[in-house]
C-alpha atoms as a PDB file:
ATOM      1  CA  MET A   1     167.441 117.327 -73.924  1.00  0.00           C
ATOM      2  CA  GLU A   2     163.529 116.303 -74.696  1.00  0.00           C
ATOM      3  CA  ARG A   3     162.813 114.198 -77.898  1.00  0.00           C
ATOM      4  CA  GLN A   4     159.288 113.614 -78.873  1.00  0.00           C
ATOM      5  CA  LEU A   5     157.538 110.940 -80.982  1.00  0.00           C
ATOM      6  CA  VAL A   6     153.924 111.757 -82.302  1.00  0.00           C
ATOM      7  CA  PHE A   7     151.613 108.901 -83.839  1.00  0.00           C
ATOM      8  CA  GLU A   8     147.995 109.298 -85.200  1.00  0.00           C
ATOM      9  CA  LEU A   9     147.171 105.384 -84.947  1.00  0.00           C
ATOM     10  CA  PRO A  10     144.175 103.934 -86.784  1.00  0.00           C
ATOM     11  CA  ASN A  11     141.716 102.335 -84.274  1.00  0.00           C
ATOM     12  CA  ASP A  12     142.834  98.896 -85.021  1.00  0.00           C
ATOM     13  CA  LEU A  13     144.424  96.490 -82.237  1.00  0.00           C
ATOM     14  CA  ARG A  14     146.824  95.148 -84.613  1.00  0.00           C
ATOM     15  CA  CYS A  15     148.803  97.989 -84.579  1.00  0.00           C
ATOM     16  CA  ILE A  16     149.718  98.137 -80.844  1.00  0.00           C
ATOM     17  CA  GLU A  17     152.444  95.802 -80.688  1.00  0.00           C
ATOM     18  CA  GLU A  18     154.242  97.393 -83.437  1.00  0.00           C
ATOM     19  CA  THR A  19     153.535 100.908 -82.109  1.00  0.00           C
ATOM     20  CA  VAL A  20     154.765 100.116 -78.415  1.00  0.00           C
ATOM     21  CA  ASP A  21     158.142  98.356 -79.984  1.00  0.00           C
ATOM     22  CA  PHE A  22     159.039 101.156 -82.081  1.00  0.00           C
ATOM     23  CA  VAL A  23     158.686 103.579 -79.014  1.00  0.00           C
ATOM     24  CA  VAL A  24     160.728 101.116 -76.790  1.00  0.00           C
ATOM     25  CA  SER A  25     163.441 100.977 -79.316  1.00  0.00           C
ATOM     26  CA  ARG A  26     163.944 104.589 -79.755  1.00  0.00           C
ATOM     27  CA  CYS A  27     164.791 104.613 -75.596  1.00  0.00           C
ATOM     28  CA  SER A  28     168.291 103.357 -75.513  1.00  0.00           C
ATOM     29  CA  THR A  29     169.099 103.476 -71.601  1.00  0.00           C
ATOM     30  CA  CYS A  30     171.236 101.886 -68.941  1.00  0.00           C
ATOM     31  CA  GLU A  31     170.103  98.198 -67.860  1.00  0.00           C
ATOM     32  CA  GLU A  32     167.894  99.300 -64.744  1.00  0.00           C
ATOM     33  CA  VAL A  33     165.811 101.783 -67.181  1.00  0.00           C
ATOM     34  CA  ALA A  34     165.725  99.621 -70.152  1.00  0.00           C
ATOM     35  CA  ARG A  35     163.903  96.863 -67.441  1.00  0.00           C
ATOM     36  CA  LYS A  36     161.462  99.435 -66.547  1.00  0.00           C
ATOM     37  CA  LEU A  37     160.722 100.424 -70.062  1.00  0.00           C
ATOM     38  CA  ARG A  38     160.295  96.758 -71.351  1.00  0.00           C
ATOM     39  CA  LEU A  39     158.161  96.163 -68.111  1.00  0.00           C
ATOM     40  CA  ASN A  40     156.307  98.766 -66.694  1.00  0.00           C
ATOM     41  CA  PHE A  41     156.131 101.282 -69.557  1.00  0.00           C
ATOM     42  CA  ARG A  42     155.463  98.920 -72.232  1.00  0.00           C
ATOM     43  CA  VAL A  43     152.595  97.147 -70.139  1.00  0.00           C
ATOM     44  CA  SER A  44     151.310 100.305 -69.651  1.00  0.00           C
ATOM     45  CA  LEU A  45     151.337 101.996 -72.860  1.00  0.00           C
ATOM     46  CA  VAL A  46     149.533  98.539 -74.440  1.00  0.00           C
ATOM     47  CA  GLU A  47     146.978  98.815 -72.004  1.00  0.00           C
ATOM     48  CA  ALA A  48     146.444 102.654 -72.317  1.00  0.00           C
ATOM     49  CA  LEU A  49     146.211 102.047 -76.443  1.00  0.00           C
ATOM     50  CA  THR A  50     144.059  98.965 -76.065  1.00  0.00           C
ATOM     51  CA  ASN A  51     141.427 101.040 -73.606  1.00  0.00           C
ATOM     52  CA  ALA A  52     141.825 103.949 -75.852  1.00  0.00           C
ATOM     53  CA  MET A  53     140.609 101.863 -78.963  1.00  0.00           C
ATOM     54  CA  VAL A  54     138.089  99.263 -77.484  1.00  0.00           C
ATOM     55  CA  TYR A  55     136.402 101.680 -74.904  1.00  0.00           C
ATOM     56  CA  GLY A  56     137.061 105.206 -75.819  1.00  0.00           C
ATOM     57  CA  ASN A  57     136.841 104.581 -79.570  1.00  0.00           C
ATOM     58  CA  ALA A  58     134.248 101.738 -79.146  1.00  0.00           C
ATOM     59  CA  ARG A  59     136.479  99.857 -81.831  1.00  0.00           C
ATOM     60  CA  ASP A  60     134.851 102.328 -84.558  1.00  0.00           C
ATOM     61  CA  PRO A  61     137.463 102.000 -87.305  1.00  0.00           C
ATOM     62  CA  SER A  62     136.540 105.280 -88.742  1.00  0.00           C
ATOM     63  CA  LYS A  63     138.243 106.908 -85.418  1.00  0.00           C
ATOM     64  CA  ARG A  64     142.027 107.356 -84.757  1.00  0.00           C
ATOM     65  CA  VAL A  65     144.103 107.409 -81.473  1.00  0.00           C
ATOM     66  CA  ARG A  66     146.799 110.195 -81.069  1.00  0.00           C
ATOM     67  CA  VAL A  67     149.986 108.987 -79.396  1.00  0.00           C
ATOM     68  CA  GLU A  68     152.500 111.638 -78.175  1.00  0.00           C
ATOM     69  CA  VAL A  69     155.636 110.129 -76.301  1.00  0.00           C
ATOM     70  CA  PHE A  70     158.383 112.476 -74.608  1.00  0.00           C
ATOM     71  CA  LEU A  71     161.576 111.475 -73.980  1.00  0.00           C
ATOM     72  CA  GLN A  72     163.411 113.553 -71.104  1.00  0.00           C
ATOM     73  CA  ALA A  73     166.883 112.933 -69.199  1.00  0.00           C
ATOM     74  CA  SER A  74     164.276 112.740 -65.901  1.00  0.00           C
ATOM     75  CA  SER A  75     161.504 110.940 -67.463  1.00  0.00           C
ATOM     76  CA  VAL A  76     159.394 108.952 -70.165  1.00  0.00           C
ATOM     77  CA  THR A  77     156.280 110.624 -70.595  1.00  0.00           C
ATOM     78  CA  ALA A  78     153.534 108.988 -73.026  1.00  0.00           C
ATOM     79  CA  ARG A  79     150.005 110.772 -73.986  1.00  0.00           C
ATOM     80  CA  ILE A  80     146.920 108.835 -75.401  1.00  0.00           C
ATOM     81  CA  THR A  81     143.962 110.397 -76.649  1.00  0.00           C
ATOM     82  CA  ASP A  82     140.762 108.857 -78.184  1.00  0.00           C
ATOM     83  CA  GLU A  83     137.854 110.453 -80.111  1.00  0.00           C
ATOM     84  CA  GLY A  84     135.652 108.929 -77.607  1.00  0.00           C
ATOM     85  CA  ALA A  85     133.572 110.930 -75.271  1.00  0.00           C
ATOM     86  CA  GLY A  86     135.649 109.875 -72.130  1.00  0.00           C
ATOM     87  CA  PHE A  87     134.823 108.356 -68.674  1.00  0.00           C
ATOM     88  CA  ASP A  88     135.411 109.054 -65.041  1.00  0.00           C
ATOM     89  CA  PRO A  89     138.423 107.102 -63.844  1.00  0.00           C
ATOM     90  CA  ALA A  90     137.271 107.391 -60.217  1.00  0.00           C
ATOM     91  CA  GLY A  91     134.076 105.221 -61.588  1.00  0.00           C
ATOM     92  CA  VAL A  92     136.252 102.281 -62.616  1.00  0.00           C
ATOM     93  CA  PRO A  93     135.713  99.524 -59.610  1.00  0.00           C
ATOM     94  CA  ASP A  94     138.910  98.455 -58.074  1.00  0.00           C
ATOM     95  CA  PRO A  95     139.661  94.753 -59.542  1.00  0.00           C
ATOM     96  CA  THR A  96     141.623  93.675 -56.303  1.00  0.00           C
ATOM     97  CA  MET A  97     138.446  94.150 -54.293  1.00  0.00           C
ATOM     98  CA  PRO A  98     136.673  90.433 -53.717  1.00  0.00           C
ATOM     99  CA  THR A  99     133.571  91.768 -54.737  1.00  0.00           C
ATOM    100  CA  ASN A 100     135.227  92.526 -58.324  1.00  0.00           C
ATOM    101  CA  LEU A 101     137.539  89.600 -58.419  1.00  0.00           C
ATOM    102  CA  LEU A 102     135.690  88.191 -61.461  1.00  0.00           C
ATOM    103  CA  GLU A 103     134.806  91.568 -63.402  1.00  0.00           C
ATOM    104  CA  ASP A 104     136.285  92.679 -66.781  1.00  0.00           C
ATOM    105  CA  ARG A 105     136.702  96.103 -66.102  1.00  0.00           C
ATOM    106  CA  GLY A 106     139.413  97.961 -63.908  1.00  0.00           C
ATOM    107  CA  ARG A 107     142.386  95.338 -64.522  1.00  0.00           C
ATOM    108  CA  GLY A 108     144.214  97.705 -67.320  1.00  0.00           C
ATOM    109  CA  LEU A 109     144.022 100.894 -65.544  1.00  0.00           C
ATOM    110  CA  PHE A 110     144.907  99.390 -62.090  1.00  0.00           C
ATOM    111  CA  LEU A 111     148.130  97.918 -64.174  1.00  0.00           C
ATOM    112  CA  MET A 112     149.093 101.188 -64.925  1.00  0.00           C
ATOM    113  CA  ARG A 113     148.549 102.881 -61.802  1.00  0.00           C
ATOM    114  CA  GLU A 114     150.672 100.336 -60.111  1.00  0.00           C
ATOM    115  CA  LEU A 115     153.406 100.176 -62.921  1.00  0.00           C
ATOM    116  CA  MET A 116     153.925 104.186 -63.733  1.00  0.00           C
ATOM    117  CA  ASP A 117     154.810 107.011 -61.292  1.00  0.00           C
ATOM    118  CA  GLU A 118     152.003 109.034 -62.557  1.00  0.00           C
ATOM    119  CA  VAL A 119     148.958 108.139 -64.328  1.00  0.00           C
ATOM    120  CA  ARG A 120     146.742 111.600 -65.215  1.00  0.00           C
ATOM    121  CA  PHE A 121     143.491 112.077 -66.953  1.00  0.00           C
ATOM    122  CA  ASN A 122     142.205 114.990 -68.791  1.00  0.00           C
ATOM    123  CA  ASP A 123     138.858 116.327 -67.508  1.00  0.00           C
ATOM    124  CA  CYS A 124     136.382 114.565 -69.644  1.00  0.00           C
ATOM    125  CA  GLY A 125     138.331 111.114 -69.572  1.00  0.00           C
ATOM    126  CA  ASN A 126     139.482 110.956 -73.195  1.00  0.00           C
ATOM    127  CA  CYS A 127     143.219 111.480 -72.623  1.00  0.00           C
ATOM    128  CA  VAL A 128     145.647 109.658 -70.238  1.00  0.00           C
ATOM    129  CA  THR A 129     149.181 110.575 -69.564  1.00  0.00           C
ATOM    130  CA  LEU A 130     151.635 108.092 -68.069  1.00  0.00           C
ATOM    131  CA  VAL A 131     154.814 109.183 -66.574  1.00  0.00           C
ATOM    132  CA  LEU A 132     157.622 106.968 -65.968  1.00  0.00           C
ATOM    133  CA  HIS A 133     160.434 109.032 -63.281  1.00  0.00           C
ATOM    134  CA  LEU A 134     164.031 107.754 -64.323  1.00  0.00           C
ATOM    135  CA  PRO A 135     166.762 107.867 -61.539  1.00  0.00           C
ATOM    136  CA  PRO A 136     169.079 110.888 -61.492  1.00  0.00           C
ATOM    137  CA  SER A 137     171.933 109.164 -62.604  1.00  0.00           C
ATOM    138  CA  ASP A 138     170.473 107.578 -65.563  1.00  0.00           C
ATOM    139  CA  ARG A 139     169.737 108.837 -69.177  1.00  0.00           C
ATOM    140  CA  VAL A 140     167.546 108.324 -71.971  1.00  0.00           C
ATOM    141  CA  SER A 141     168.055 108.986 -75.353  1.00  0.00           C
ATOM    142  CA  GLY A 142     166.236 108.599 -78.478  1.00  0.00           C
ATOM    143  CA  GLU A 143     165.880 109.412 -81.968  1.00  0.00           C
ATOM    144  CA  ALA A 144     163.114 112.387 -82.913  1.00  0.00           C
ATOM    145  CA  SER A 145     162.260 111.060 -86.119  1.00  0.00           C
ATOM    146  CA  ALA A 146     159.781 108.208 -86.525  1.00  0.00           C
END
């Protein structure tokens, strides 16, 4: 059974922590999945929201970020969409390469790709979808109301 949470956030970095805490609290799971949610999902969602607000929306307070979270028995999926023009994720430098170690760009995207099972972008690059697969023996339950 799928549950969905949808938020329209102001482009304000101060909203991120409370939003992520709320989303994670809606997922009650076994301990193994809870660890993945507390670390992998939480860190990836924070990075995606930060990137959307800082880079996608260029810190413009008149813009908003849409967050959609789908809680399913087999996965937790988050789709984050900003109002920016987008970007080409293939053009972001690999922060683990020696020539890029001191660069500011690419660390958040790298973390998302390492921590999540799937990271997909729409064609214009203003929407990222994060997917965390859950073991078949575990369940995610959540409340659909926000």
